[in-house]
Amino acid sequence: VRDDGRAQTLAVPTQFVDGTLLASVGGRTAANAVARSQVTMVFPGATGQQYSLIVDGDAVVDGEQVRVTPTWAVLHRPALSDG
């Protein structure tokens, strides 16, 4: 979350390492994670027709890397089209 309370959204390659999510980020994102360490990550399904994974977690910043320890997660199904 930014200083003004709006969500900080970006796309970053993420790895799952030793039970944590690890991503390389820029300085502004790292500063946001230091200031507000409770974060949410979204991993969309590849086609838009698949479930997305939403993960809440606690972030720790080490230089240009953020390590997120998951605290909650849910698979979210895409909305069904009436068409």
Protein backbone atom coordinates (compact mmCIF):
# COMPACT_ATOMS: atom_id res chain seq x y z
CA VAL A 1 0.00 0.00 0.00
CA ARG A 2 1.26 3.46 -0.85
CA ASP A 3 1.46 6.34 1.63
CA ASP A 4 -1.91 7.62 0.37
CA GLY A 5 -3.61 4.27 1.11
CA ARG A 6 -3.93 3.14 -2.52
CA ALA A 7 -2.82 -0.34 -3.51
CA GLN A 8 0.65 -0.63 -5.03
CA THR A 9 0.26 -2.97 -7.97
CA LEU A 10 3.08 -4.40 -10.04
CA ALA A 11 4.05 -7.56 -11.87
CA VAL A 12 7.23 -9.25 -10.69
CA PRO A 13 8.66 -12.72 -11.22
CA THR A 14 8.31 -14.59 -7.93
CA GLN A 15 9.91 -17.77 -6.65
CA PHE A 16 8.74 -20.11 -3.88
CA VAL A 17 11.83 -20.79 -1.74
CA ASP A 18 11.84 -22.56 1.64
CA GLY A 19 8.17 -21.79 2.31
CA THR A 20 8.38 -18.12 1.37
CA LEU A 21 7.68 -16.07 -1.76
CA LEU A 22 10.77 -14.24 -3.00
CA ALA A 23 10.71 -11.34 -5.48
CA SER A 24 13.18 -8.72 -6.67
CA VAL A 25 11.65 -5.23 -6.47
CA GLY A 26 12.53 -1.58 -6.93
CA GLY A 27 13.28 0.96 -4.25
CA ARG A 28 9.77 2.42 -3.94
CA THR A 29 8.18 -1.02 -3.57
CA ALA A 30 10.80 -2.03 -1.02
CA ALA A 31 10.11 1.15 0.98
CA ASN A 32 6.36 0.45 0.91
CA ALA A 33 6.96 -3.08 2.21
CA VAL A 34 9.19 -1.77 5.02
CA ALA A 35 6.56 0.81 6.04
CA ARG A 36 3.63 -1.63 5.75
CA SER A 37 4.83 -5.22 5.96
CA GLN A 38 1.43 -6.90 5.61
CA VAL A 39 1.08 -7.50 1.87
CA THR A 40 -1.17 -9.29 -0.61
CA MET A 41 0.08 -11.04 -3.73
CA VAL A 42 -2.08 -12.23 -6.63
CA PHE A 43 -1.09 -14.98 -9.05
CA PRO A 44 -3.63 -14.99 -11.91
CA GLY A 45 -4.51 -18.09 -13.88
CA ALA A 46 -2.64 -18.21 -17.18
CA THR A 47 -5.72 -18.06 -19.40
CA GLY A 48 -8.17 -15.95 -17.43
CA GLN A 49 -10.40 -19.01 -17.21
CA GLN A 50 -8.38 -20.63 -14.44
CA TYR A 51 -8.38 -19.99 -10.70
CA SER A 52 -6.18 -17.21 -9.34
CA LEU A 53 -4.19 -17.62 -6.13
CA ILE A 54 -4.44 -14.74 -3.64
CA VAL A 55 -1.88 -14.79 -0.82
CA ASP A 56 -1.66 -12.53 2.24
CA GLY A 57 1.66 -12.50 4.04
CA ASP A 58 4.28 -10.76 6.11
CA ALA A 59 7.05 -9.11 4.07
CA VAL A 60 10.70 -8.67 5.01
CA VAL A 61 12.94 -6.55 2.79
CA ASP A 62 16.59 -7.41 2.18
CA GLY A 63 18.07 -4.91 -0.25
CA GLU A 64 16.18 -5.28 -3.51
CA GLN A 65 14.46 -8.50 -2.50
CA VAL A 66 11.19 -8.95 -0.66
CA ARG A 67 10.56 -12.24 1.12
CA VAL A 68 6.89 -12.86 1.95
CA THR A 69 5.88 -15.50 4.49
CA PRO A 70 2.31 -16.55 3.64
CA THR A 71 -0.27 -16.19 6.44
CA TRP A 72 -3.44 -16.92 4.41
CA ALA A 73 -4.31 -17.94 0.86
CA VAL A 74 -7.34 -18.71 -1.27
CA LEU A 75 -7.97 -19.97 -4.77
CA HIS A 76 -10.40 -17.56 -6.42
CA ARG A 77 -12.44 -18.70 -9.39
CA PRO A 78 -13.06 -16.36 -12.31
CA ALA A 79 -16.49 -14.79 -12.66
CA LEU A 80 -18.79 -16.72 -14.95
CA SER A 81 -19.89 -14.99 -18.13
CA ASP A 82 -23.60 -14.86 -18.99
CA GLY A 83 -22.73 -14.67 -22.67
